[in-house]
PDB file of N, CA and C in Angstrom:
ATOM      1  N   MET A   1      -9.526   9.895 -12.896  1.00  0.00           N
ATOM      2  CA  MET A   1      -9.897   8.533 -13.044  1.00  0.00           C
ATOM      3  C   MET A   1     -10.932   8.239 -12.075  1.00  0.00           C
ATOM      4  N   ASP A   2     -12.290   8.158 -12.546  1.00  0.00           N
ATOM      5  CA  ASP A   2     -13.263   7.765 -11.828  1.00  0.00           C
ATOM      6  C   ASP A   2     -13.731   6.344 -12.238  1.00  0.00           C
ATOM      7  N   TYR A   3     -13.309   5.384 -11.343  1.00  0.00           N
ATOM      8  CA  TYR A   3     -13.604   3.957 -11.593  1.00  0.00           C
ATOM      9  C   TYR A   3     -14.963   3.552 -11.234  1.00  0.00           C
ATOM     10  N   PHE A   4     -15.653   4.301 -10.477  1.00  0.00           N
ATOM     11  CA  PHE A   4     -16.843   3.858  -9.916  1.00  0.00           C
ATOM     12  C   PHE A   4     -17.998   4.409 -10.603  1.00  0.00           C
ATOM     13  N   ASN A   5     -17.996   5.081 -11.803  1.00  0.00           N
ATOM     14  CA  ASN A   5     -19.118   5.619 -12.501  1.00  0.00           C
ATOM     15  C   ASN A   5     -19.352   4.909 -13.844  1.00  0.00           C
ATOM     16  N   ILE A   6     -19.555   3.403 -13.529  1.00  0.00           N
ATOM     17  CA  ILE A   6     -19.757   2.550 -14.832  1.00  0.00           C
ATOM     18  C   ILE A   6     -21.111   2.612 -15.272  1.00  0.00           C
ATOM     19  N   SER A   7     -22.170   3.014 -14.423  1.00  0.00           N
ATOM     20  CA  SER A   7     -23.557   2.840 -14.869  1.00  0.00           C
ATOM     21  C   SER A   7     -23.777   3.867 -15.984  1.00  0.00           C
ATOM     22  N   LEU A   8     -23.242   5.035 -15.892  1.00  0.00           N
ATOM     23  CA  LEU A   8     -23.509   6.051 -17.040  1.00  0.00           C
ATOM     24  C   LEU A   8     -22.682   5.788 -18.235  1.00  0.00           C
ATOM     25  N   ILE A   9     -21.666   4.966 -18.329  1.00  0.00           N
ATOM     26  CA  ILE A   9     -20.903   4.576 -19.410  1.00  0.00           C
ATOM     27  C   ILE A   9     -21.590   3.513 -20.211  1.00  0.00           C
ATOM     28  N   TYR A  10     -22.068   2.450 -19.529  1.00  0.00           N
ATOM     29  CA  TYR A  10     -22.670   1.206 -19.979  1.00  0.00           C
ATOM     30  C   TYR A  10     -24.074   1.269 -19.926  1.00  0.00           C
ATOM     31  N   TYR A  11     -24.693   2.309 -20.009  1.00  0.00           N
ATOM     32  CA  TYR A  11     -26.267   2.318 -19.589  1.00  0.00           C
ATOM     33  C   TYR A  11     -26.891   1.653 -21.054  1.00  0.00           C
ATOM     34  N   GLY A  12     -27.641   0.738 -20.855  1.00  0.00           N
ATOM     35  CA  GLY A  12     -28.492   0.162 -21.957  1.00  0.00           C
ATOM     36  C   GLY A  12     -27.795  -0.987 -22.591  1.00  0.00           C
ATOM     37  N   LEU A  13     -26.554  -1.464 -22.155  1.00  0.00           N
ATOM     38  CA  LEU A  13     -25.920  -2.610 -22.604  1.00  0.00           C
ATOM     39  C   LEU A  13     -26.395  -3.832 -21.992  1.00  0.00           C
ATOM     40  N   THR A  14     -26.017  -4.985 -22.582  1.00  0.00           N
ATOM     41  CA  THR A  14     -26.526  -6.207 -21.874  1.00  0.00           C
ATOM     42  C   THR A  14     -25.716  -6.564 -20.677  1.00  0.00           C
ATOM     43  N   ASP A  15     -26.229  -7.470 -19.837  1.00  0.00           N
ATOM     44  CA  ASP A  15     -25.586  -7.715 -18.624  1.00  0.00           C
ATOM     45  C   ASP A  15     -24.237  -8.508 -18.825  1.00  0.00           C
ATOM     46  N   GLY A  16     -24.148  -9.206 -19.963  1.00  0.00           N
ATOM     47  CA  GLY A  16     -22.957  -9.723 -20.149  1.00  0.00           C
ATOM     48  C   GLY A  16     -21.719  -8.849 -20.437  1.00  0.00           C
ATOM     49  N   VAL A  17     -21.967  -7.870 -21.019  1.00  0.00           N
ATOM     50  CA  VAL A  17     -20.919  -6.846 -21.342  1.00  0.00           C
ATOM     51  C   VAL A  17     -20.615  -6.093 -20.026  1.00  0.00           C
ATOM     52  N   LEU A  18     -21.585  -5.752 -19.202  1.00  0.00           N
ATOM     53  CA  LEU A  18     -21.434  -5.163 -17.932  1.00  0.00           C
ATOM     54  C   LEU A  18     -20.676  -5.831 -16.973  1.00  0.00           C
ATOM     55  N   PHE A  19     -21.077  -7.153 -17.104  1.00  0.00           N
ATOM     56  CA  PHE A  19     -20.351  -8.160 -16.140  1.00  0.00           C
ATOM     57  C   PHE A  19     -18.729  -8.260 -16.558  1.00  0.00           C
ATOM     58  N   CYS A  20     -18.591  -8.432 -17.848  1.00  0.00           N
ATOM     59  CA  CYS A  20     -17.194  -8.406 -18.293  1.00  0.00           C
ATOM     60  C   CYS A  20     -16.292  -7.161 -17.903  1.00  0.00           C
ATOM     61  N   TYR A  21     -17.023  -5.918 -17.975  1.00  0.00           N
ATOM     62  CA  TYR A  21     -16.316  -4.758 -17.605  1.00  0.00           C
ATOM     63  C   TYR A  21     -16.079  -4.718 -16.157  1.00  0.00           C
ATOM     64  N   ILE A  22     -17.016  -5.165 -15.337  1.00  0.00           N
ATOM     65  CA  ILE A  22     -16.824  -5.166 -13.872  1.00  0.00           C
ATOM     66  C   ILE A  22     -15.723  -6.171 -13.493  1.00  0.00           C
ATOM     67  N   TYR A  23     -15.506  -7.292 -14.218  1.00  0.00           N
ATOM     68  CA  TYR A  23     -14.512  -8.236 -13.925  1.00  0.00           C
ATOM     69  C   TYR A  23     -13.159  -7.706 -14.171  1.00  0.00           C
ATOM     70  N   ILE A  24     -13.062  -6.945 -15.401  1.00  0.00           N
ATOM     71  CA  ILE A  24     -11.864  -6.381 -15.779  1.00  0.00           C
ATOM     72  C   ILE A  24     -11.439  -5.227 -14.793  1.00  0.00           C
ATOM     73  N   PHE A  25     -12.445  -4.399 -14.445  1.00  0.00           N
ATOM     74  CA  PHE A  25     -12.302  -3.403 -13.348  1.00  0.00           C
ATOM     75  C   PHE A  25     -11.854  -4.069 -12.064  1.00  0.00           C
ATOM     76  N   MET A  26     -12.249  -5.148 -11.634  1.00  0.00           N
ATOM     77  CA  MET A  26     -11.921  -5.597 -10.369  1.00  0.00           C
ATOM     78  C   MET A  26     -10.423  -6.117 -10.481  1.00  0.00           C
ATOM     79  N   GLU A  27     -10.139  -6.730 -11.509  1.00  0.00           N
ATOM     80  CA  GLU A  27      -8.731  -7.232 -11.657  1.00  0.00           C
ATOM     81  C   GLU A  27      -7.824  -6.006 -11.686  1.00  0.00           C
ATOM     82  N   HIS A  28      -8.266  -4.839 -12.188  1.00  0.00           N
ATOM     83  CA  HIS A  28      -7.325  -3.584 -12.302  1.00  0.00           C
ATOM     84  C   HIS A  28      -7.188  -3.157 -10.707  1.00  0.00           C
ATOM     85  N   ILE A  29      -8.382  -3.062 -10.052  1.00  0.00           N
ATOM     86  CA  ILE A  29      -8.253  -2.474  -8.744  1.00  0.00           C
ATOM     87  C   ILE A  29      -7.456  -3.381  -7.812  1.00  0.00           C
ATOM     88  N   LEU A  30      -7.596  -4.858  -8.082  1.00  0.00           N
ATOM     89  CA  LEU A  30      -6.742  -5.704  -7.193  1.00  0.00           C
ATOM     90  C   LEU A  30      -5.297  -5.600  -7.482  1.00  0.00           C
ATOM     91  N   PHE A  31      -4.864  -5.359  -8.739  1.00  0.00           N
ATOM     92  CA  PHE A  31      -3.590  -5.184  -9.174  1.00  0.00           C
ATOM     93  C   PHE A  31      -2.974  -3.838  -8.508  1.00  0.00           C
ATOM     94  N   LEU A  32      -3.840  -2.756  -8.458  1.00  0.00           N
ATOM     95  CA  LEU A  32      -3.402  -1.452  -7.901  1.00  0.00           C
ATOM     96  C   LEU A  32      -3.131  -1.698  -6.546  1.00  0.00           C
ATOM     97  N   ILE A  33      -4.167  -2.312  -5.688  1.00  0.00           N
ATOM     98  CA  ILE A  33      -3.846  -2.495  -4.214  1.00  0.00           C
ATOM     99  C   ILE A  33      -2.682  -3.398  -3.993  1.00  0.00           C
ATOM    100  N   LEU A  34      -2.431  -4.461  -4.695  1.00  0.00           N
ATOM    101  CA  LEU A  34      -1.258  -5.115  -4.624  1.00  0.00           C
ATOM    102  C   LEU A  34      -0.087  -4.331  -4.893  1.00  0.00           C
ATOM    103  N   LEU A  35      -0.016  -3.562  -5.902  1.00  0.00           N
ATOM    104  CA  LEU A  35       1.136  -2.822  -6.262  1.00  0.00           C
ATOM    105  C   LEU A  35       1.399  -1.807  -5.186  1.00  0.00           C
ATOM    106  N   VAL A  36       0.488  -1.016  -4.606  1.00  0.00           N
ATOM    107  CA  VAL A  36       0.591  -0.035  -3.625  1.00  0.00           C
ATOM    108  C   VAL A  36       1.117  -0.724  -2.340  1.00  0.00           C
ATOM    109  N   THR A  37       0.640  -1.891  -2.046  1.00  0.00           N
ATOM    110  CA  THR A  37       0.980  -2.554  -0.808  1.00  0.00           C
ATOM    111  C   THR A  37       2.501  -3.142  -0.909  1.00  0.00           C
ATOM    112  N   ILE A  38       2.888  -3.456  -1.993  1.00  0.00           N
ATOM    113  CA  ILE A  38       4.314  -3.926  -2.171  1.00  0.00           C
ATOM    114  C   ILE A  38       5.263  -2.741  -2.168  1.00  0.00           C
ATOM    115  N   MET A  39       4.788  -1.599  -2.780  1.00  0.00           N
ATOM    116  CA  MET A  39       5.537  -0.466  -2.741  1.00  0.00           C
ATOM    117  C   MET A  39       5.743   0.182  -1.341  1.00  0.00           C
ATOM    118  N   ALA A  40       4.572  -0.036  -0.487  1.00  0.00           N
ATOM    119  CA  ALA A  40       4.676   0.328   0.937  1.00  0.00           C
ATOM    120  C   ALA A  40       5.670  -0.590   1.707  1.00  0.00           C
ATOM    121  N   LEU A  41       5.771  -1.779   1.395  1.00  0.00           N
ATOM    122  CA  LEU A  41       6.665  -2.754   1.982  1.00  0.00           C
ATOM    123  C   LEU A  41       8.074  -2.414   1.727  1.00  0.00           C
ATOM    124  N   ILE A  42       8.253  -2.076   0.299  1.00  0.00           N
ATOM    125  CA  ILE A  42       9.809  -1.805  -0.160  1.00  0.00           C
ATOM    126  C   ILE A  42      10.228  -0.494   0.615  1.00  0.00           C
ATOM    127  N   VAL A  43       9.280   0.402   0.574  1.00  0.00           N
ATOM    128  CA  VAL A  43       9.642   1.832   1.176  1.00  0.00           C
ATOM    129  C   VAL A  43       9.873   1.696   2.591  1.00  0.00           C
ATOM    130  N   ASN A  44       9.336   0.727   3.348  1.00  0.00           N
ATOM    131  CA  ASN A  44       9.546   0.543   4.808  1.00  0.00           C
ATOM    132  C   ASN A  44      10.682  -0.344   5.170  1.00  0.00           C
ATOM    133  N   LEU A  45      11.272  -1.044   4.098  1.00  0.00           N
ATOM    134  CA  LEU A  45      12.405  -1.800   4.502  1.00  0.00           C
ATOM    135  C   LEU A  45      13.715  -1.132   5.074  1.00  0.00           C
ATOM    136  N   PRO A  46      14.245  -0.101   4.464  1.00  0.00           N
ATOM    137  CA  PRO A  46      15.375   0.779   5.010  1.00  0.00           C
ATOM    138  C   PRO A  46      14.850   1.412   6.351  1.00  0.00           C
ATOM    139  N   PHE A  47      13.691   1.903   6.470  1.00  0.00           N
ATOM    140  CA  PHE A  47      13.359   2.582   7.713  1.00  0.00           C
ATOM    141  C   PHE A  47      13.223   1.423   8.879  1.00  0.00           C
ATOM    142  N   GLY A  48      12.869   0.347   8.553  1.00  0.00           N
ATOM    143  CA  GLY A  48      12.746  -0.618   9.547  1.00  0.00           C
ATOM    144  C   GLY A  48      14.233  -1.203   9.900  1.00  0.00           C
ATOM    145  N   TYR A  49      15.078  -1.169   8.822  1.00  0.00           N
ATOM    146  CA  TYR A  49      16.427  -1.433   9.097  1.00  0.00           C
ATOM    147  C   TYR A  49      16.981  -0.457  10.142  1.00  0.00           C
ATOM    148  N   MET A  50      16.813   0.864   9.829  1.00  0.00           N
ATOM    149  CA  MET A  50      17.296   1.955  10.719  1.00  0.00           C
ATOM    150  C   MET A  50      16.656   1.970  12.182  1.00  0.00           C
ATOM    151  N   ARG A  51      15.278   1.711  12.069  1.00  0.00           N
ATOM    152  CA  ARG A  51      14.565   1.711  13.407  1.00  0.00           C
ATOM    153  C   ARG A  51      15.116   0.659  14.353  1.00  0.00           C
ATOM    154  N   SER A  52      15.455  -0.527  13.844  1.00  0.00           N
ATOM    155  CA  SER A  52      15.837  -1.516  14.786  1.00  0.00           C
ATOM    156  C   SER A  52      17.220  -1.079  15.474  1.00  0.00           C
ATOM    157  N   GLY A  53      17.994  -0.289  14.811  1.00  0.00           N
ATOM    158  CA  GLY A  53      19.120   0.221  15.622  1.00  0.00           C
ATOM    159  C   GLY A  53      19.024   1.430  16.525  1.00  0.00           C
ATOM    160  N   ALA A  54      17.862   1.999  16.529  1.00  0.00           N
ATOM    161  CA  ALA A  54      17.696   3.196  17.371  1.00  0.00           C
ATOM    162  C   ALA A  54      16.907   2.694  18.691  1.00  0.00           C
ATOM    163  N   LYS A  55      17.216   3.515  19.704  1.00  0.00           N
ATOM    164  CA  LYS A  55      16.751   3.300  21.121  1.00  0.00           C
ATOM    165  C   LYS A  55      15.080   3.328  20.959  1.00  0.00           C
ATOM    166  N   LYS A  56      14.523   2.443  21.583  1.00  0.00           N
ATOM    167  CA  LYS A  56      13.012   2.188  21.520  1.00  0.00           C
ATOM    168  C   LYS A  56      12.323   3.528  22.080  1.00  0.00           C
ATOM    169  N   PHE A  57      11.390   4.016  21.483  1.00  0.00           N
ATOM    170  CA  PHE A  57      10.573   5.272  21.832  1.00  0.00           C
ATOM    171  C   PHE A  57      11.242   6.463  21.856  1.00  0.00           C
ATOM    172  N   SER A  58      12.520   6.589  21.270  1.00  0.00           N
ATOM    173  CA  SER A  58      13.374   7.721  21.046  1.00  0.00           C
ATOM    174  C   SER A  58      12.674   8.486  19.766  1.00  0.00           C
ATOM    175  N   LEU A  59      13.255   9.810  19.730  1.00  0.00           N
ATOM    176  CA  LEU A  59      12.872  10.570  18.524  1.00  0.00           C
ATOM    177  C   LEU A  59      13.141  10.006  17.249  1.00  0.00           C
ATOM    178  N   LYS A  60      14.291   9.294  17.066  1.00  0.00           N
ATOM    179  CA  LYS A  60      14.705   8.665  15.878  1.00  0.00           C
ATOM    180  C   LYS A  60      13.849   7.447  15.535  1.00  0.00           C
ATOM    181  N   TRP A  61      13.448   6.650  16.659  1.00  0.00           N
ATOM    182  CA  TRP A  61      12.661   5.568  16.389  1.00  0.00           C
ATOM    183  C   TRP A  61      11.392   5.997  15.841  1.00  0.00           C
ATOM    184  N   LEU A  62      10.811   7.009  16.499  1.00  0.00           N
ATOM    185  CA  LEU A  62       9.448   7.409  16.025  1.00  0.00           C
ATOM    186  C   LEU A  62       9.368   8.122  14.633  1.00  0.00           C
ATOM    187  N   LEU A  63      10.586   8.712  14.262  1.00  0.00           N
ATOM    188  CA  LEU A  63      10.624   9.126  12.973  1.00  0.00           C
ATOM    189  C   LEU A  63      10.746   8.191  11.858  1.00  0.00           C
ATOM    190  N   TYR A  64      11.625   7.099  12.153  1.00  0.00           N
ATOM    191  CA  TYR A  64      11.742   5.978  11.331  1.00  0.00           C
ATOM    192  C   TYR A  64      10.509   5.215  10.998  1.00  0.00           C
ATOM    193  N   ILE A  65       9.563   5.289  12.023  1.00  0.00           N
ATOM    194  CA  ILE A  65       8.255   4.638  11.771  1.00  0.00           C
ATOM    195  C   ILE A  65       7.365   5.540  10.983  1.00  0.00           C
ATOM    196  N   HIS A  66       7.354   6.783  11.313  1.00  0.00           N
ATOM    197  CA  HIS A  66       6.292   7.734  10.614  1.00  0.00           C
ATOM    198  C   HIS A  66       6.747   8.499   9.392  1.00  0.00           C
ATOM    199  N   LEU A  67       7.953   8.582   9.212  1.00  0.00           N
ATOM    200  CA  LEU A  67       8.433   9.193   7.956  1.00  0.00           C
ATOM    201  C   LEU A  67       7.953   8.642   6.503  1.00  0.00           C
ATOM    202  N   PRO A  68       7.787   7.362   6.481  1.00  0.00           N
ATOM    203  CA  PRO A  68       7.203   6.760   5.211  1.00  0.00           C
ATOM    204  C   PRO A  68       5.811   6.979   5.077  1.00  0.00           C
ATOM    205  N   VAL A  69       5.079   7.472   6.047  1.00  0.00           N
ATOM    206  CA  VAL A  69       3.558   7.419   5.998  1.00  0.00           C
ATOM    207  C   VAL A  69       3.164   8.560   4.977  1.00  0.00           C
ATOM    208  N   PRO A  70       3.629   9.694   4.893  1.00  0.00           N
ATOM    209  CA  PRO A  70       3.288  10.754   3.701  1.00  0.00           C
ATOM    210  C   PRO A  70       3.475  10.069   2.395  1.00  0.00           C
ATOM    211  N   LEU A  71       4.652   9.374   2.147  1.00  0.00           N
ATOM    212  CA  LEU A  71       4.968   8.674   0.915  1.00  0.00           C
ATOM    213  C   LEU A  71       3.741   7.687   0.546  1.00  0.00           C
ATOM    214  N   ILE A  72       3.501   6.982   1.383  1.00  0.00           N
ATOM    215  CA  ILE A  72       2.376   5.923   1.225  1.00  0.00           C
ATOM    216  C   ILE A  72       1.193   6.604   0.836  1.00  0.00           C
ATOM    217  N   PHE A  73       0.801   7.644   1.607  1.00  0.00           N
ATOM    218  CA  PHE A  73      -0.503   8.496   1.494  1.00  0.00           C
ATOM    219  C   PHE A  73      -0.500   8.943  -0.136  1.00  0.00           C
ATOM    220  N   ILE A  74       0.666   9.635  -0.532  1.00  0.00           N
ATOM    221  CA  ILE A  74       0.745  10.059  -1.868  1.00  0.00           C
ATOM    222  C   ILE A  74       0.580   8.987  -2.968  1.00  0.00           C
ATOM    223  N   LEU A  75       1.358   7.870  -2.675  1.00  0.00           N
ATOM    224  CA  LEU A  75       1.189   6.650  -3.543  1.00  0.00           C
ATOM    225  C   LEU A  75      -0.300   6.131  -3.557  1.00  0.00           C
ATOM    226  N   ARG A  76      -1.017   6.135  -2.539  1.00  0.00           N
ATOM    227  CA  ARG A  76      -2.414   5.617  -2.419  1.00  0.00           C
ATOM    228  C   ARG A  76      -3.327   6.591  -3.236  1.00  0.00           C
ATOM    229  N   ASN A  77      -3.096   7.937  -3.106  1.00  0.00           N
ATOM    230  CA  ASN A  77      -3.831   8.800  -3.718  1.00  0.00           C
ATOM    231  C   ASN A  77      -3.584   9.006  -5.329  1.00  0.00           C
ATOM    232  N   PHE A  78      -2.292   8.757  -5.596  1.00  0.00           N
ATOM    233  CA  PHE A  78      -1.804   8.718  -7.073  1.00  0.00           C
ATOM    234  C   PHE A  78      -2.468   7.725  -7.884  1.00  0.00           C
ATOM    235  N   PHE A  79      -2.727   6.468  -7.172  1.00  0.00           N
ATOM    236  CA  PHE A  79      -3.389   5.464  -7.908  1.00  0.00           C
ATOM    237  C   PHE A  79      -4.846   5.449  -7.769  1.00  0.00           C
ATOM    238  N   GLY A  80      -5.312   6.412  -7.124  1.00  0.00           N
ATOM    239  CA  GLY A  80      -6.853   6.610  -6.975  1.00  0.00           C
ATOM    240  C   GLY A  80      -7.408   5.675  -6.108  1.00  0.00           C
ATOM    241  N   LEU A  81      -6.717   5.072  -5.116  1.00  0.00           N
ATOM    242  CA  LEU A  81      -7.313   4.159  -4.153  1.00  0.00           C
ATOM    243  C   LEU A  81      -7.945   4.911  -3.003  1.00  0.00           C
ATOM    244  N   GLY A  82      -9.100   4.428  -2.582  1.00  0.00           N
ATOM    245  CA  GLY A  82      -9.793   5.147  -1.446  1.00  0.00           C
ATOM    246  C   GLY A  82      -9.303   4.620  -0.034  1.00  0.00           C
ATOM    247  N   TYR A  83     -10.115   5.150   0.998  1.00  0.00           N
ATOM    248  CA  TYR A  83      -9.715   4.923   2.311  1.00  0.00           C
ATOM    249  C   TYR A  83      -9.984   3.528   2.662  1.00  0.00           C
ATOM    250  N   ARG A  84     -10.667   2.631   1.932  1.00  0.00           N
ATOM    251  CA  ARG A  84     -10.931   1.312   2.319  1.00  0.00           C
ATOM    252  C   ARG A  84      -9.729   0.372   2.135  1.00  0.00           C
ATOM    253  N   VAL A  85      -8.767   0.700   1.542  1.00  0.00           N
ATOM    254  CA  VAL A  85      -7.604  -0.040   1.361  1.00  0.00           C
ATOM    255  C   VAL A  85      -6.338   0.318   2.422  1.00  0.00           C
ATOM    256  N   ILE A  86      -6.761   1.203   3.098  1.00  0.00           N
ATOM    257  CA  ILE A  86      -5.734   1.738   4.257  1.00  0.00           C
ATOM    258  C   ILE A  86      -5.283   0.446   5.005  1.00  0.00           C
ATOM    259  N   PRO A  87      -6.085  -0.427   5.566  1.00  0.00           N
ATOM    260  CA  PRO A  87      -5.712  -1.420   6.379  1.00  0.00           C
ATOM    261  C   PRO A  87      -4.639  -2.512   5.740  1.00  0.00           C
ATOM    262  N   ILE A  88      -4.981  -2.742   4.390  1.00  0.00           N
ATOM    263  CA  ILE A  88      -4.067  -3.540   3.599  1.00  0.00           C
ATOM    264  C   ILE A  88      -2.714  -2.914   3.323  1.00  0.00           C
ATOM    265  N   VAL A  89      -2.790  -1.736   3.193  1.00  0.00           N
ATOM    266  CA  VAL A  89      -1.416  -0.912   2.860  1.00  0.00           C
ATOM    267  C   VAL A  89      -0.709  -0.810   4.253  1.00  0.00           C
ATOM    268  N   ILE A  90      -1.279  -0.543   5.325  1.00  0.00           N
ATOM    269  CA  ILE A  90      -0.795  -0.691   6.637  1.00  0.00           C
ATOM    270  C   ILE A  90      -0.089  -1.924   6.933  1.00  0.00           C
ATOM    271  N   ALA A  91      -0.816  -2.990   6.595  1.00  0.00           N
ATOM    272  CA  ALA A  91      -0.236  -4.404   6.867  1.00  0.00           C
ATOM    273  C   ALA A  91       1.039  -4.508   6.001  1.00  0.00           C
ATOM    274  N   GLY A  92       1.143  -4.079   4.798  1.00  0.00           N
ATOM    275  CA  GLY A  92       2.384  -4.077   4.072  1.00  0.00           C
ATOM    276  C   GLY A  92       3.463  -3.289   4.674  1.00  0.00           C
ATOM    277  N   ALA A  93       3.152  -2.070   5.124  1.00  0.00           N
ATOM    278  CA  ALA A  93       4.170  -1.222   5.883  1.00  0.00           C
ATOM    279  C   ALA A  93       4.691  -1.818   7.078  1.00  0.00           C
ATOM    280  N   VAL A  94       3.767  -2.489   7.734  1.00  0.00           N
ATOM    281  CA  VAL A  94       4.319  -3.181   9.161  1.00  0.00           C
ATOM    282  C   VAL A  94       5.184  -4.369   8.820  1.00  0.00           C
ATOM    283  N   ILE A  95       4.909  -5.104   7.767  1.00  0.00           N
ATOM    284  CA  ILE A  95       5.623  -6.166   7.340  1.00  0.00           C
ATOM    285  C   ILE A  95       7.015  -5.712   6.686  1.00  0.00           C
ATOM    286  N   GLY A  96       6.944  -4.641   6.129  1.00  0.00           N
ATOM    287  CA  GLY A  96       8.252  -3.969   5.626  1.00  0.00           C
ATOM    288  C   GLY A  96       8.989  -3.507   6.805  1.00  0.00           C
ATOM    289  N   GLN A  97       8.635  -2.896   7.909  1.00  0.00           N
ATOM    290  CA  GLN A  97       9.281  -2.463   9.059  1.00  0.00           C
ATOM    291  C   GLN A  97       9.803  -3.600   9.710  1.00  0.00           C
ATOM    292  N   TYR A  98       8.993  -4.789   9.893  1.00  0.00           N
ATOM    293  CA  TYR A  98       9.484  -5.875  10.690  1.00  0.00           C
ATOM    294  C   TYR A  98      10.625  -6.619   9.773  1.00  0.00           C
ATOM    295  N   THR A  99      10.411  -6.766   8.485  1.00  0.00           N
ATOM    296  CA  THR A  99      11.439  -7.344   7.735  1.00  0.00           C
ATOM    297  C   THR A  99      12.703  -6.561   7.735  1.00  0.00           C
ATOM    298  N   GLY A 100      12.615  -5.378   7.701  1.00  0.00           N
ATOM    299  CA  GLY A 100      13.914  -4.545   7.671  1.00  0.00           C
ATOM    300  C   GLY A 100      14.713  -4.578   9.044  1.00  0.00           C
ATOM    301  N   GLY A 101      13.900  -4.661  10.125  1.00  0.00           N
ATOM    302  CA  GLY A 101      14.504  -4.916  11.407  1.00  0.00           C
ATOM    303  C   GLY A 101      15.074  -6.314  11.524  1.00  0.00           C
ATOM    304  N   LEU A 102      14.476  -7.276  10.927  1.00  0.00           N
ATOM    305  CA  LEU A 102      14.890  -8.720  11.046  1.00  0.00           C
ATOM    306  C   LEU A 102      16.304  -8.765  10.051  1.00  0.00           C
ATOM    307  N   ILE A 103      16.354  -8.041   9.063  1.00  0.00           N
ATOM    308  CA  ILE A 103      17.485  -8.078   8.190  1.00  0.00           C
ATOM    309  C   ILE A 103      18.759  -7.558   8.832  1.00  0.00           C
ATOM    310  N   ARG A 104      18.460  -6.443   9.663  1.00  0.00           N
ATOM    311  CA  ARG A 104      19.507  -5.897  10.582  1.00  0.00           C
ATOM    312  C   ARG A 104      20.028  -6.817  11.663  1.00  0.00           C
ATOM    313  N   GLU A 105      19.031  -7.405  12.249  1.00  0.00           N
ATOM    314  CA  GLU A 105      19.394  -8.368  13.399  1.00  0.00           C
ATOM    315  C   GLU A 105      20.109  -9.650  12.729  1.00  0.00           C
ATOM    316  N   LEU A 106      19.859 -10.103  11.635  1.00  0.00           N
ATOM    317  CA  LEU A 106      20.489 -11.135  11.028  1.00  0.00           C
ATOM    318  C   LEU A 106      21.893 -10.724  10.528  1.00  0.00           C
ATOM    319  N   ARG A 107      22.109  -9.414  10.019  1.00  0.00           N
ATOM    320  CA  ARG A 107      23.473  -9.102   9.630  1.00  0.00           C
ATOM    321  C   ARG A 107      24.357  -8.743  10.781  1.00  0.00           C
ATOM    322  N   ILE A 108      23.907  -8.386  12.011  1.00  0.00           N
ATOM    323  CA  ILE A 108      24.726  -8.103  13.135  1.00  0.00           C
ATOM    324  C   ILE A 108      25.139  -9.453  13.675  1.00  0.00           C
ATOM    325  N   SER A 109      24.226 -10.297  13.872  1.00  0.00           N
ATOM    326  CA  SER A 109      24.638 -11.660  14.642  1.00  0.00           C
ATOM    327  C   SER A 109      25.329 -12.614  13.587  1.00  0.00           C
TER     328      SER A 109
END
């Protein structure tokens, strides 16, 4: 899936058609970015839950933070997203870790 090679496909067409294609393309990319970010958040929920019960900076704590990273990398590459979306996906992962820890704290208290 090469999303960035639109000039060869639509060479010689009017600007209106090209603009329409770029608009649909941008909606598709934004949807994929949102999908991968939500998946990163969901994957990190159980790890954040377990991380909040581990001693800070222990081996378990570090594993619970870093184990979902390869899965998120695979998801990002599977959907064809480049390196530019990494900060957005990391934000989703951090929110998932935090929310998972918050759920554990609320269940305990």
